[in-house]
Amino acid sequence: MYLDHYFTEEGRHPFFIRVDGMLAGFALIREIGTNENNDIIYSLAEFFVMKKYRRQGVGQHAAVEVFDLFCGEWKVAQIAANKPAQIFWRKTIESYTKSNYQEITEEDWAGPIQTFSSRRLK
């Protein structure tokens, strides 16, 4: 991860997650290409919520805010060993898309990837 690139390069979008003005986490979004309809494909490159803010809806709320902000195709990947992240993202994306998403695997990634379009939801 090249954190400084998120503040200097086009197609990278950093966000801080705050609760009552206090830093609670961050999200790093990357534009990774376009699909056959020329829609931008976004990747949730990094997403972190501090432990004291977990299980309070903070992460789900932040994820929805980001998905709504960037209309297009999304890929949200988790490493195979991170079962809590997989549970969180499946639940969050299922709720957000009303179960209208796919879970795929790719050769260059060791874990599940949820794909969906935020455009359908607007």
PDB file of N, CA and C in Angstrom:
ATOM      1  N   MET A   1       0.855  -1.174   0.000  1.00  0.00           N
ATOM      2  CA  MET A   1       0.000   0.000   0.000  1.00  0.00           C
ATOM      3  C   MET A   1       0.898   1.233   0.000  1.00  0.00           C
ATOM      4  N   TYR A   2       0.589   2.122  -0.827  1.00  0.00           N
ATOM      5  CA  TYR A   2       1.337   3.372  -0.929  1.00  0.00           C
ATOM      6  C   TYR A   2       0.431   4.498  -0.451  1.00  0.00           C
ATOM      7  N   LEU A   3       0.408   4.717   0.844  1.00  0.00           N
ATOM      8  CA  LEU A   3      -0.527   5.662   1.451  1.00  0.00           C
ATOM      9  C   LEU A   3      -0.409   7.057   0.867  1.00  0.00           C
ATOM     10  N   ASP A   4       0.807   7.534   0.667  1.00  0.00           N
ATOM     11  CA  ASP A   4       0.973   8.895   0.155  1.00  0.00           C
ATOM     12  C   ASP A   4       0.357   9.074  -1.228  1.00  0.00           C
ATOM     13  N   HIS A   5       0.285   8.001  -2.020  1.00  0.00           N
ATOM     14  CA  HIS A   5      -0.305   8.086  -3.354  1.00  0.00           C
ATOM     15  C   HIS A   5      -1.788   8.445  -3.291  1.00  0.00           C
ATOM     16  N   TYR A   6      -2.442   8.072  -2.204  1.00  0.00           N
ATOM     17  CA  TYR A   6      -3.870   8.367  -2.068  1.00  0.00           C
ATOM     18  C   TYR A   6      -4.138   9.860  -1.910  1.00  0.00           C
ATOM     19  N   PHE A   7      -3.131  10.605  -1.574  1.00  0.00           N
ATOM     20  CA  PHE A   7      -3.278  12.049  -1.392  1.00  0.00           C
ATOM     21  C   PHE A   7      -2.707  12.852  -2.560  1.00  0.00           C
ATOM     22  N   THR A   8      -2.082  12.162  -3.527  1.00  0.00           N
ATOM     23  CA  THR A   8      -1.432  12.886  -4.623  1.00  0.00           C
ATOM     24  C   THR A   8      -1.844  12.427  -6.016  1.00  0.00           C
ATOM     25  N   GLU A   9      -2.373  11.220  -6.162  1.00  0.00           N
ATOM     26  CA  GLU A   9      -2.674  10.682  -7.490  1.00  0.00           C
ATOM     27  C   GLU A   9      -4.168  10.695  -7.783  1.00  0.00           C
ATOM     28  N   GLU A  10      -4.495  10.948  -9.044  1.00  0.00           N
ATOM     29  CA  GLU A  10      -5.884  10.843  -9.482  1.00  0.00           C
ATOM     30  C   GLU A  10      -6.318   9.387  -9.415  1.00  0.00           C
ATOM     31  N   GLY A  11      -7.607   9.173  -9.189  1.00  0.00           N
ATOM     32  CA  GLY A  11      -8.147   7.820  -9.155  1.00  0.00           C
ATOM     33  C   GLY A  11      -7.979   7.127  -7.818  1.00  0.00           C
ATOM     34  N   ARG A  12      -7.465   7.834  -6.834  1.00  0.00           N
ATOM     35  CA  ARG A  12      -7.324   7.296  -5.473  1.00  0.00           C
ATOM     36  C   ARG A  12      -8.021   8.268  -4.529  1.00  0.00           C
ATOM     37  N   HIS A  13      -8.796   7.710  -3.609  1.00  0.00           N
ATOM     38  CA  HIS A  13      -9.639   8.551  -2.762  1.00  0.00           C
ATOM     39  C   HIS A  13      -9.528   8.110  -1.298  1.00  0.00           C
ATOM     40  N   PRO A  14      -8.890   8.910  -0.453  1.00  0.00           N
ATOM     41  CA  PRO A  14      -8.784   8.579   0.972  1.00  0.00           C
ATOM     42  C   PRO A  14      -9.930   9.222   1.763  1.00  0.00           C
ATOM     43  N   PHE A  15     -10.404   8.508   2.764  1.00  0.00           N
ATOM     44  CA  PHE A  15     -11.450   9.030   3.639  1.00  0.00           C
ATOM     45  C   PHE A  15     -11.132   8.678   5.082  1.00  0.00           C
ATOM     46  N   PHE A  16     -11.385   9.624   5.960  1.00  0.00           N
ATOM     47  CA  PHE A  16     -11.297   9.356   7.389  1.00  0.00           C
ATOM     48  C   PHE A  16     -12.705   9.126   7.908  1.00  0.00           C
ATOM     49  N   ILE A  17     -12.844   8.146   8.766  1.00  0.00           N
ATOM     50  CA  ILE A  17     -14.126   7.847   9.401  1.00  0.00           C
ATOM     51  C   ILE A  17     -14.092   8.489  10.775  1.00  0.00           C
ATOM     52  N   ARG A  18     -15.094   9.300  11.058  1.00  0.00           N
ATOM     53  CA  ARG A  18     -15.146  10.005  12.343  1.00  0.00           C
ATOM     54  C   ARG A  18     -16.453   9.701  13.062  1.00  0.00           C
ATOM     55  N   VAL A  19     -16.365   9.648  14.378  1.00  0.00           N
ATOM     56  CA  VAL A  19     -17.534   9.492  15.243  1.00  0.00           C
ATOM     57  C   VAL A  19     -17.468  10.608  16.271  1.00  0.00           C
ATOM     58  N   ASP A  20     -18.471  11.455  16.285  1.00  0.00           N
ATOM     59  CA  ASP A  20     -18.497  12.608  17.196  1.00  0.00           C
ATOM     60  C   ASP A  20     -17.197  13.411  17.117  1.00  0.00           C
ATOM     61  N   GLY A  21     -16.695  13.573  15.903  1.00  0.00           N
ATOM     62  CA  GLY A  21     -15.487  14.358  15.681  1.00  0.00           C
ATOM     63  C   GLY A  21     -14.186  13.626  15.947  1.00  0.00           C
ATOM     64  N   MET A  22     -14.267  12.423  16.482  1.00  0.00           N
ATOM     65  CA  MET A  22     -13.066  11.641  16.801  1.00  0.00           C
ATOM     66  C   MET A  22     -12.754  10.681  15.655  1.00  0.00           C
ATOM     67  N   LEU A  23     -11.469  10.539  15.365  1.00  0.00           N
ATOM     68  CA  LEU A  23     -11.044   9.617  14.320  1.00  0.00           C
ATOM     69  C   LEU A  23     -11.392   8.189  14.731  1.00  0.00           C
ATOM     70  N   ALA A  24     -12.115   7.489  13.861  1.00  0.00           N
ATOM     71  CA  ALA A  24     -12.555   6.128  14.159  1.00  0.00           C
ATOM     72  C   ALA A  24     -12.028   5.113  13.150  1.00  0.00           C
ATOM     73  N   GLY A  25     -11.494   5.584  12.028  1.00  0.00           N
ATOM     74  CA  GLY A  25     -10.995   4.661  11.022  1.00  0.00           C
ATOM     75  C   GLY A  25     -10.719   5.371   9.715  1.00  0.00           C
ATOM     76  N   PHE A  26     -10.551   4.574   8.664  1.00  0.00           N
ATOM     77  CA  PHE A  26     -10.293   5.142   7.342  1.00  0.00           C
ATOM     78  C   PHE A  26     -10.739   4.178   6.253  1.00  0.00           C
ATOM     79  N   ALA A  27     -10.916   4.727   5.057  1.00  0.00           N
ATOM     80  CA  ALA A  27     -11.221   3.935   3.866  1.00  0.00           C
ATOM     81  C   ALA A  27     -10.377   4.477   2.720  1.00  0.00           C
ATOM     82  N   LEU A  28      -9.800   3.574   1.946  1.00  0.00           N
ATOM     83  CA  LEU A  28      -9.017   3.949   0.769  1.00  0.00           C
ATOM     84  C   LEU A  28      -9.669   3.320  -0.459  1.00  0.00           C
ATOM     85  N   ILE A  29     -10.098   4.172  -1.372  1.00  0.00           N
ATOM     86  CA  ILE A  29     -10.797   3.740  -2.578  1.00  0.00           C
ATOM     87  C   ILE A  29      -9.890   3.968  -3.779  1.00  0.00           C
ATOM     88  N   ARG A  30      -9.894   2.990  -4.684  1.00  0.00           N
ATOM     89  CA  ARG A  30      -9.085   3.100  -5.903  1.00  0.00           C
ATOM     90  C   ARG A  30      -9.942   2.863  -7.132  1.00  0.00           C
ATOM     91  N   GLU A  31      -9.732   3.656  -8.149  1.00  0.00           N
ATOM     92  CA  GLU A  31     -10.333   3.390  -9.456  1.00  0.00           C
ATOM     93  C   GLU A  31      -9.394   2.425 -10.174  1.00  0.00           C
ATOM     94  N   ILE A  32      -9.909   1.237 -10.538  1.00  0.00           N
ATOM     95  CA  ILE A  32      -9.025   0.206 -11.095  1.00  0.00           C
ATOM     96  C   ILE A  32      -9.273  -0.078 -12.570  1.00  0.00           C
ATOM     97  N   GLY A  33     -10.182   0.653 -13.189  1.00  0.00           N
ATOM     98  CA  GLY A  33     -10.440   0.457 -14.613  1.00  0.00           C
ATOM     99  C   GLY A  33     -11.873   0.786 -14.956  1.00  0.00           C
ATOM    100  N   THR A  34     -12.294   0.309 -16.126  1.00  0.00           N
ATOM    101  CA  THR A  34     -13.679   0.479 -16.558  1.00  0.00           C
ATOM    102  C   THR A  34     -14.202  -0.853 -17.081  1.00  0.00           C
ATOM    103  N   ASN A  35     -15.528  -0.997 -17.052  1.00  0.00           N
ATOM    104  CA  ASN A  35     -16.138  -2.212 -17.586  1.00  0.00           C
ATOM    105  C   ASN A  35     -16.567  -1.993 -19.036  1.00  0.00           C
ATOM    106  N   GLU A  36     -17.283  -2.974 -19.589  1.00  0.00           N
ATOM    107  CA  GLU A  36     -17.696  -2.901 -20.998  1.00  0.00           C
ATOM    108  C   GLU A  36     -18.649  -1.738 -21.283  1.00  0.00           C
ATOM    109  N   ASN A  37     -19.322  -1.223 -20.252  1.00  0.00           N
ATOM    110  CA  ASN A  37     -20.218  -0.064 -20.414  1.00  0.00           C
ATOM    111  C   ASN A  37     -19.502   1.253 -20.134  1.00  0.00           C
ATOM    112  N   ASN A  38     -18.204   1.180 -19.941  1.00  0.00           N
ATOM    113  CA  ASN A  38     -17.372   2.343 -19.627  1.00  0.00           C
ATOM    114  C   ASN A  38     -17.661   2.926 -18.239  1.00  0.00           C
ATOM    115  N   ASP A  39     -18.258   2.111 -17.362  1.00  0.00           N
ATOM    116  CA  ASP A  39     -18.450   2.513 -15.968  1.00  0.00           C
ATOM    117  C   ASP A  39     -17.142   2.303 -15.219  1.00  0.00           C
ATOM    118  N   ILE A  40     -16.836   3.183 -14.310  1.00  0.00           N
ATOM    119  CA  ILE A  40     -15.626   3.034 -13.500  1.00  0.00           C
ATOM    120  C   ILE A  40     -15.794   1.852 -12.552  1.00  0.00           C
ATOM    121  N   ILE A  41     -14.727   1.082 -12.407  1.00  0.00           N
ATOM    122  CA  ILE A  41     -14.692  -0.005 -11.428  1.00  0.00           C
ATOM    123  C   ILE A  41     -13.881   0.495 -10.243  1.00  0.00           C
ATOM    124  N   TYR A  42     -14.494   0.430  -9.069  1.00  0.00           N
ATOM    125  CA  TYR A  42     -13.858   0.885  -7.836  1.00  0.00           C
ATOM    126  C   TYR A  42     -13.460  -0.314  -6.995  1.00  0.00           C
ATOM    127  N   SER A  43     -12.337  -0.174  -6.323  1.00  0.00           N
ATOM    128  CA  SER A  43     -11.869  -1.183  -5.379  1.00  0.00           C
ATOM    129  C   SER A  43     -11.770  -0.548  -4.000  1.00  0.00           C
ATOM    130  N   LEU A  44     -12.314  -1.229  -3.025  1.00  0.00           N
ATOM    131  CA  LEU A  44     -12.138  -0.794  -1.644  1.00  0.00           C
ATOM    132  C   LEU A  44     -10.797  -1.369  -1.200  1.00  0.00           C
ATOM    133  N   ALA A  45      -9.745  -0.592  -1.406  1.00  0.00           N
ATOM    134  CA  ALA A  45      -8.380  -1.078  -1.218  1.00  0.00           C
ATOM    135  C   ALA A  45      -8.067  -1.358   0.250  1.00  0.00           C
ATOM    136  N   GLU A  46      -8.493  -0.479   1.128  1.00  0.00           N
ATOM    137  CA  GLU A  46      -8.275  -0.649   2.569  1.00  0.00           C
ATOM    138  C   GLU A  46      -9.473  -0.070   3.302  1.00  0.00           C
ATOM    139  N   PHE A  47      -9.847  -0.731   4.393  1.00  0.00           N
ATOM    140  CA  PHE A  47     -10.956  -0.251   5.216  1.00  0.00           C
ATOM    141  C   PHE A  47     -10.653  -0.674   6.646  1.00  0.00           C
ATOM    142  N   PHE A  48     -10.678   0.289   7.548  1.00  0.00           N
ATOM    143  CA  PHE A  48     -10.329  -0.007   8.936  1.00  0.00           C
ATOM    144  C   PHE A  48     -11.208   0.807   9.870  1.00  0.00           C
ATOM    145  N   VAL A  49     -11.737   0.138  10.892  1.00  0.00           N
ATOM    146  CA  VAL A  49     -12.476   0.796  11.969  1.00  0.00           C
ATOM    147  C   VAL A  49     -11.826   0.364  13.283  1.00  0.00           C
ATOM    148  N   MET A  50     -11.509   1.337  14.123  1.00  0.00           N
ATOM    149  CA  MET A  50     -10.890   1.036  15.418  1.00  0.00           C
ATOM    150  C   MET A  50     -11.808   0.133  16.241  1.00  0.00           C
ATOM    151  N   LYS A  51     -11.209  -0.766  17.030  1.00  0.00           N
ATOM    152  CA  LYS A  51     -11.970  -1.756  17.791  1.00  0.00           C
ATOM    153  C   LYS A  51     -13.069  -1.142  18.647  1.00  0.00           C
ATOM    154  N   LYS A  52     -12.785  -0.011  19.275  1.00  0.00           N
ATOM    155  CA  LYS A  52     -13.791   0.556  20.182  1.00  0.00           C
ATOM    156  C   LYS A  52     -15.027   1.064  19.443  1.00  0.00           C
ATOM    157  N   TYR A  53     -14.963   1.178  18.109  1.00  0.00           N
ATOM    158  CA  TYR A  53     -16.112   1.622  17.320  1.00  0.00           C
ATOM    159  C   TYR A  53     -16.772   0.485  16.546  1.00  0.00           C
ATOM    160  N   ARG A  54     -16.247  -0.718  16.683  1.00  0.00           N
ATOM    161  CA  ARG A  54     -16.812  -1.853  15.962  1.00  0.00           C
ATOM    162  C   ARG A  54     -18.091  -2.341  16.640  1.00  0.00           C
ATOM    163  N   ARG A  55     -18.906  -3.021  15.863  1.00  0.00           N
ATOM    164  CA  ARG A  55     -20.179  -3.593  16.324  1.00  0.00           C
ATOM    165  C   ARG A  55     -21.163  -2.536  16.810  1.00  0.00           C
ATOM    166  N   GLN A  56     -21.010  -1.322  16.271  1.00  0.00           N
ATOM    167  CA  GLN A  56     -21.924  -0.224  16.593  1.00  0.00           C
ATOM    168  C   GLN A  56     -22.566   0.345  15.333  1.00  0.00           C
ATOM    169  N   GLY A  57     -22.299  -0.273  14.193  1.00  0.00           N
ATOM    170  CA  GLY A  57     -22.842   0.216  12.933  1.00  0.00           C
ATOM    171  C   GLY A  57     -21.972   1.255  12.244  1.00  0.00           C
ATOM    172  N   VAL A  58     -20.845   1.603  12.859  1.00  0.00           N
ATOM    173  CA  VAL A  58     -19.965   2.636  12.297  1.00  0.00           C
ATOM    174  C   VAL A  58     -19.394   2.186  10.951  1.00  0.00           C
ATOM    175  N   GLY A  59     -18.883   0.980  10.887  1.00  0.00           N
ATOM    176  CA  GLY A  59     -18.297   0.472   9.649  1.00  0.00           C
ATOM    177  C   GLY A  59     -19.318   0.347   8.539  1.00  0.00           C
ATOM    178  N   GLN A  60     -20.474  -0.199   8.866  1.00  0.00           N
ATOM    179  CA  GLN A  60     -21.516  -0.354   7.850  1.00  0.00           C
ATOM    180  C   GLN A  60     -21.977   1.011   7.336  1.00  0.00           C
ATOM    181  N   HIS A  61     -22.153   1.953   8.226  1.00  0.00           N
ATOM    182  CA  HIS A  61     -22.564   3.302   7.820  1.00  0.00           C
ATOM    183  C   HIS A  61     -21.503   3.941   6.912  1.00  0.00           C
ATOM    184  N   ALA A  62     -20.244   3.816   7.281  1.00  0.00           N
ATOM    185  CA  ALA A  62     -19.161   4.388   6.473  1.00  0.00           C
ATOM    186  C   ALA A  62     -19.097   3.723   5.100  1.00  0.00           C
ATOM    187  N   ALA A  63     -19.258   2.406   5.056  1.00  0.00           N
ATOM    188  CA  ALA A  63     -19.225   1.691   3.779  1.00  0.00           C
ATOM    189  C   ALA A  63     -20.344   2.166   2.859  1.00  0.00           C
ATOM    190  N   VAL A  64     -21.538   2.298   3.392  1.00  0.00           N
ATOM    191  CA  VAL A  64     -22.680   2.755   2.595  1.00  0.00           C
ATOM    192  C   VAL A  64     -22.438   4.169   2.071  1.00  0.00           C
ATOM    193  N   GLU A  65     -21.884   5.027   2.912  1.00  0.00           N
ATOM    194  CA  GLU A  65     -21.574   6.398   2.477  1.00  0.00           C
ATOM    195  C   GLU A  65     -20.617   6.387   1.286  1.00  0.00           C
ATOM    196  N   VAL A  66     -19.601   5.545   1.354  1.00  0.00           N
ATOM    197  CA  VAL A  66     -18.616   5.469   0.269  1.00  0.00           C
ATOM    198  C   VAL A  66     -19.252   4.879  -0.989  1.00  0.00           C
ATOM    199  N   PHE A  67     -20.023   3.798  -0.844  1.00  0.00           N
ATOM    200  CA  PHE A  67     -20.671   3.194  -2.011  1.00  0.00           C
ATOM    201  C   PHE A  67     -21.593   4.199  -2.701  1.00  0.00           C
ATOM    202  N   ASP A  68     -22.328   4.975  -1.907  1.00  0.00           N
ATOM    203  CA  ASP A  68     -23.234   5.974  -2.478  1.00  0.00           C
ATOM    204  C   ASP A  68     -22.482   7.121  -3.147  1.00  0.00           C
ATOM    205  N   LEU A  69     -21.310   7.429  -2.647  1.00  0.00           N
ATOM    206  CA  LEU A  69     -20.526   8.535  -3.188  1.00  0.00           C
ATOM    207  C   LEU A  69     -19.960   8.223  -4.571  1.00  0.00           C
ATOM    208  N   PHE A  70     -19.612   6.964  -4.800  1.00  0.00           N
ATOM    209  CA  PHE A  70     -19.000   6.550  -6.061  1.00  0.00           C
ATOM    210  C   PHE A  70     -19.919   5.571  -6.781  1.00  0.00           C
ATOM    211  N   CYS A  71     -20.668   6.092  -7.720  1.00  0.00           N
ATOM    212  CA  CYS A  71     -21.609   5.289  -8.480  1.00  0.00           C
ATOM    213  C   CYS A  71     -20.854   4.529  -9.566  1.00  0.00           C
ATOM    214  N   GLY A  72     -20.997   3.223  -9.587  1.00  0.00           N
ATOM    215  CA  GLY A  72     -20.323   2.406 -10.581  1.00  0.00           C
ATOM    216  C   GLY A  72     -20.209   0.975 -10.105  1.00  0.00           C
ATOM    217  N   GLU A  73     -19.290   0.256 -10.694  1.00  0.00           N
ATOM    218  CA  GLU A  73     -19.035  -1.133 -10.319  1.00  0.00           C
ATOM    219  C   GLU A  73     -18.055  -1.173  -9.148  1.00  0.00           C
ATOM    220  N   TRP A  74     -18.238  -2.129  -8.268  1.00  0.00           N
ATOM    221  CA  TRP A  74     -17.393  -2.251  -7.076  1.00  0.00           C
ATOM    222  C   TRP A  74     -16.819  -3.650  -6.951  1.00  0.00           C
ATOM    223  N   LYS A  75     -15.596  -3.703  -6.425  1.00  0.00           N
ATOM    224  CA  LYS A  75     -14.964  -4.951  -5.998  1.00  0.00           C
ATOM    225  C   LYS A  75     -14.494  -4.743  -4.564  1.00  0.00           C
ATOM    226  N   VAL A  76     -14.952  -5.630  -3.689  1.00  0.00           N
ATOM    227  CA  VAL A  76     -14.548  -5.576  -2.285  1.00  0.00           C
ATOM    228  C   VAL A  76     -13.960  -6.943  -1.952  1.00  0.00           C
ATOM    229  N   ALA A  77     -12.666  -6.985  -1.687  1.00  0.00           N
ATOM    230  CA  ALA A  77     -11.954  -8.248  -1.492  1.00  0.00           C
ATOM    231  C   ALA A  77     -11.476  -8.392  -0.055  1.00  0.00           C
ATOM    232  N   GLN A  78     -11.474  -9.641   0.410  1.00  0.00           N
ATOM    233  CA  GLN A  78     -10.924  -9.950   1.724  1.00  0.00           C
ATOM    234  C   GLN A  78      -9.941 -11.113   1.573  1.00  0.00           C
ATOM    235  N   ILE A  79      -8.901 -11.103   2.397  1.00  0.00           N
ATOM    236  CA  ILE A  79      -7.985 -12.240   2.368  1.00  0.00           C
ATOM    237  C   ILE A  79      -8.693 -13.454   2.966  1.00  0.00           C
ATOM    238  N   ALA A  80      -8.313 -14.626   2.505  1.00  0.00           N
ATOM    239  CA  ALA A  80      -8.991 -15.859   2.901  1.00  0.00           C
ATOM    240  C   ALA A  80      -8.982 -16.078   4.410  1.00  0.00           C
ATOM    241  N   ALA A  81      -7.919 -15.694   5.080  1.00  0.00           N
ATOM    242  CA  ALA A  81      -7.793 -15.945   6.516  1.00  0.00           C
ATOM    243  C   ALA A  81      -8.611 -14.984   7.380  1.00  0.00           C
ATOM    244  N   ASN A  82      -9.097 -13.895   6.815  1.00  0.00           N
ATOM    245  CA  ASN A  82      -9.801 -12.883   7.612  1.00  0.00           C
ATOM    246  C   ASN A  82     -11.305 -13.149   7.602  1.00  0.00           C
ATOM    247  N   LYS A  83     -11.721 -14.154   8.373  1.00  0.00           N
ATOM    248  CA  LYS A  83     -13.135 -14.551   8.428  1.00  0.00           C
ATOM    249  C   LYS A  83     -14.030 -13.442   8.973  1.00  0.00           C
ATOM    250  N   PRO A  84     -13.625 -12.694  10.019  1.00  0.00           N
ATOM    251  CA  PRO A  84     -14.496 -11.602  10.485  1.00  0.00           C
ATOM    252  C   PRO A  84     -14.770 -10.563   9.395  1.00  0.00           C
ATOM    253  N   ALA A  85     -13.766 -10.235   8.586  1.00  0.00           N
ATOM    254  CA  ALA A  85     -13.972  -9.278   7.493  1.00  0.00           C
ATOM    255  C   ALA A  85     -14.936  -9.848   6.459  1.00  0.00           C
ATOM    256  N   GLN A  86     -14.817 -11.125   6.161  1.00  0.00           N
ATOM    257  CA  GLN A  86     -15.718 -11.747   5.194  1.00  0.00           C
ATOM    258  C   GLN A  86     -17.164 -11.683   5.680  1.00  0.00           C
ATOM    259  N   ILE A  87     -17.367 -11.989   6.951  1.00  0.00           N
ATOM    260  CA  ILE A  87     -18.718 -11.918   7.527  1.00  0.00           C
ATOM    261  C   ILE A  87     -19.245 -10.494   7.449  1.00  0.00           C
ATOM    262  N   PHE A  88     -18.433  -9.515   7.851  1.00  0.00           N
ATOM    263  CA  PHE A  88     -18.847  -8.111   7.819  1.00  0.00           C
ATOM    264  C   PHE A  88     -19.222  -7.676   6.409  1.00  0.00           C
ATOM    265  N   TRP A  89     -18.359  -7.953   5.429  1.00  0.00           N
ATOM    266  CA  TRP A  89     -18.612  -7.468   4.074  1.00  0.00           C
ATOM    267  C   TRP A  89     -19.775  -8.180   3.418  1.00  0.00           C
ATOM    268  N   ARG A  90     -19.930  -9.471   3.645  1.00  0.00           N
ATOM    269  CA  ARG A  90     -21.096 -10.169   3.076  1.00  0.00           C
ATOM    270  C   ARG A  90     -22.392  -9.575   3.628  1.00  0.00           C
ATOM    271  N   LYS A  91     -22.433  -9.367   4.926  1.00  0.00           N
ATOM    272  CA  LYS A  91     -23.627  -8.795   5.561  1.00  0.00           C
ATOM    273  C   LYS A  91     -23.884  -7.369   5.063  1.00  0.00           C
ATOM    274  N   THR A  92     -22.852  -6.547   5.031  1.00  0.00           N
ATOM    275  CA  THR A  92     -22.990  -5.149   4.618  1.00  0.00           C
ATOM    276  C   THR A  92     -23.416  -5.037   3.161  1.00  0.00           C
ATOM    277  N   ILE A  93     -22.761  -5.786   2.287  1.00  0.00           N
ATOM    278  CA  ILE A  93     -23.060  -5.702   0.857  1.00  0.00           C
ATOM    279  C   ILE A  93     -24.412  -6.339   0.548  1.00  0.00           C
ATOM    280  N   GLU A  94     -24.743  -7.424   1.220  1.00  0.00           N
ATOM    281  CA  GLU A  94     -26.061  -8.037   1.026  1.00  0.00           C
ATOM    282  C   GLU A  94     -27.169  -7.051   1.391  1.00  0.00           C
ATOM    283  N   SER A  95     -27.007  -6.366   2.501  1.00  0.00           N
ATOM    284  CA  SER A  95     -27.990  -5.370   2.923  1.00  0.00           C
ATOM    285  C   SER A  95     -28.039  -4.201   1.940  1.00  0.00           C
ATOM    286  N   TYR A  96     -26.888  -3.702   1.558  1.00  0.00           N
ATOM    287  CA  TYR A  96     -26.813  -2.540   0.663  1.00  0.00           C
ATOM    288  C   TYR A  96     -27.430  -2.834  -0.706  1.00  0.00           C
ATOM    289  N   THR A  97     -27.157  -4.023  -1.243  1.00  0.00           N
ATOM    290  CA  THR A  97     -27.613  -4.361  -2.596  1.00  0.00           C
ATOM    291  C   THR A  97     -28.935  -5.107  -2.610  1.00  0.00           C
ATOM    292  N   LYS A  98     -29.487  -5.373  -1.441  1.00  0.00           N
ATOM    293  CA  LYS A  98     -30.688  -6.210  -1.343  1.00  0.00           C
ATOM    294  C   LYS A  98     -30.419  -7.565  -2.010  1.00  0.00           C
ATOM    295  N   SER A  99     -29.266  -8.132  -1.691  1.00  0.00           N
ATOM    296  CA  SER A  99     -28.786  -9.437  -2.171  1.00  0.00           C
ATOM    297  C   SER A  99     -28.442  -9.462  -3.658  1.00  0.00           C
ATOM    298  N   ASN A 100     -28.287  -8.309  -4.277  1.00  0.00           N
ATOM    299  CA  ASN A 100     -27.986  -8.239  -5.706  1.00  0.00           C
ATOM    300  C   ASN A 100     -26.480  -8.030  -5.914  1.00  0.00           C
ATOM    301  N   TYR A 101     -25.712  -9.050  -5.564  1.00  0.00           N
ATOM    302  CA  TYR A 101     -24.260  -9.003  -5.738  1.00  0.00           C
ATOM    303  C   TYR A 101     -23.764 -10.398  -6.077  1.00  0.00           C
ATOM    304  N   GLN A 102     -22.525 -10.476  -6.517  1.00  0.00           N
ATOM    305  CA  GLN A 102     -21.894 -11.763  -6.788  1.00  0.00           C
ATOM    306  C   GLN A 102     -20.643 -11.882  -5.941  1.00  0.00           C
ATOM    307  N   GLU A 103     -20.302 -13.117  -5.613  1.00  0.00           N
ATOM    308  CA  GLU A 103     -19.028 -13.359  -4.947  1.00  0.00           C
ATOM    309  C   GLU A 103     -18.189 -14.204  -5.889  1.00  0.00           C
ATOM    310  N   ILE A 104     -16.988 -13.723  -6.158  1.00  0.00           N
ATOM    311  CA  ILE A 104     -16.116 -14.379  -7.127  1.00  0.00           C
ATOM    312  C   ILE A 104     -14.744 -14.636  -6.500  1.00  0.00           C
ATOM    313  N   THR A 105     -13.929 -15.371  -7.232  1.00  0.00           N
ATOM    314  CA  THR A 105     -12.513 -15.507  -6.895  1.00  0.00           C
ATOM    315  C   THR A 105     -11.724 -15.131  -8.148  1.00  0.00           C
ATOM    316  N   GLU A 106     -10.508 -14.671  -7.929  1.00  0.00           N
ATOM    317  CA  GLU A 106      -9.622 -14.332  -9.037  1.00  0.00           C
ATOM    318  C   GLU A 106      -8.264 -14.969  -8.781  1.00  0.00           C
ATOM    319  N   GLU A 107      -7.575 -15.325  -9.846  1.00  0.00           N
ATOM    320  CA  GLU A 107      -6.289 -16.016  -9.733  1.00  0.00           C
ATOM    321  C   GLU A 107      -5.262 -15.256  -8.912  1.00  0.00           C
ATOM    322  N   ASP A 108      -5.273 -13.942  -9.010  1.00  0.00           N
ATOM    323  CA  ASP A 108      -4.236 -13.152  -8.344  1.00  0.00           C
ATOM    324  C   ASP A 108      -4.631 -12.687  -6.942  1.00  0.00           C
ATOM    325  N   TRP A 109      -5.710 -13.264  -6.370  1.00  0.00           N
ATOM    326  CA  TRP A 109      -6.140 -12.872  -5.029  1.00  0.00           C
ATOM    327  C   TRP A 109      -6.570 -14.110  -4.257  1.00  0.00           C
ATOM    328  N   ALA A 110      -6.064 -14.270  -3.036  1.00  0.00           N
ATOM    329  CA  ALA A 110      -6.375 -15.433  -2.207  1.00  0.00           C
ATOM    330  C   ALA A 110      -7.501 -15.099  -1.235  1.00  0.00           C
ATOM    331  N   GLY A 111      -8.727 -15.110  -1.741  1.00  0.00           N
ATOM    332  CA  GLY A 111      -9.883 -14.849  -0.895  1.00  0.00           C
ATOM    333  C   GLY A 111     -11.078 -14.436  -1.725  1.00  0.00           C
ATOM    334  N   PRO A 112     -12.227 -14.279  -1.064  1.00  0.00           N
ATOM    335  CA  PRO A 112     -13.443 -13.910  -1.782  1.00  0.00           C
ATOM    336  C   PRO A 112     -13.450 -12.436  -2.186  1.00  0.00           C
ATOM    337  N   ILE A 113     -14.162 -12.163  -3.268  1.00  0.00           N
ATOM    338  CA  ILE A 113     -14.347 -10.797  -3.762  1.00  0.00           C
ATOM    339  C   ILE A 113     -15.835 -10.619  -4.053  1.00  0.00           C
ATOM    340  N   GLN A 114     -16.447  -9.630  -3.425  1.00  0.00           N
ATOM    341  CA  GLN A 114     -17.838  -9.312  -3.727  1.00  0.00           C
ATOM    342  C   GLN A 114     -17.846  -8.245  -4.822  1.00  0.00           C
ATOM    343  N   THR A 115     -18.695  -8.445  -5.822  1.00  0.00           N
ATOM    344  CA  THR A 115     -18.831  -7.476  -6.905  1.00  0.00           C
ATOM    345  C   THR A 115     -20.289  -7.051  -6.995  1.00  0.00           C
ATOM    346  N   PHE A 116     -20.496  -5.766  -7.251  1.00  0.00           N
ATOM    347  CA  PHE A 116     -21.853  -5.235  -7.363  1.00  0.00           C
ATOM    348  C   PHE A 116     -21.788  -3.861  -8.005  1.00  0.00           C
ATOM    349  N   SER A 117     -22.945  -3.354  -8.352  1.00  0.00           N
ATOM    350  CA  SER A 117     -23.039  -2.020  -8.928  1.00  0.00           C
ATOM    351  C   SER A 117     -23.828  -1.124  -7.993  1.00  0.00           C
ATOM    352  N   SER A 118     -23.260   0.027  -7.672  1.00  0.00           N
ATOM    353  CA  SER A 118     -23.997   0.977  -6.842  1.00  0.00           C
ATOM    354  C   SER A 118     -24.988   1.775  -7.684  1.00  0.00           C
ATOM    355  N   ARG A 119     -24.860   1.754  -8.999  1.00  0.00           N
ATOM    356  CA  ARG A 119     -25.754   2.493  -9.889  1.00  0.00           C
ATOM    357  C   ARG A 119     -27.193   1.986  -9.761  1.00  0.00           C
ATOM    358  N   ARG A 120     -27.383   0.696  -9.644  1.00  0.00           N
ATOM    359  CA  ARG A 120     -28.716   0.105  -9.581  1.00  0.00           C
ATOM    360  C   ARG A 120     -29.518   0.624  -8.402  1.00  0.00           C
ATOM    361  N   LEU A 121     -28.822   1.126  -7.404  1.00  0.00           N
ATOM    362  CA  LEU A 121     -29.471   1.475  -6.150  1.00  0.00           C
ATOM    363  C   LEU A 121     -29.905   2.924  -6.094  1.00  0.00           C
ATOM    364  N   LYS A 122     -29.525   3.712  -7.056  1.00  0.00           N
ATOM    365  CA  LYS A 122     -29.847   5.149  -7.027  1.00  0.00           C
ATOM    366  C   LYS A 122     -31.267   5.389  -7.480  1.00  0.00           C
TER     367      LYS A 122
END
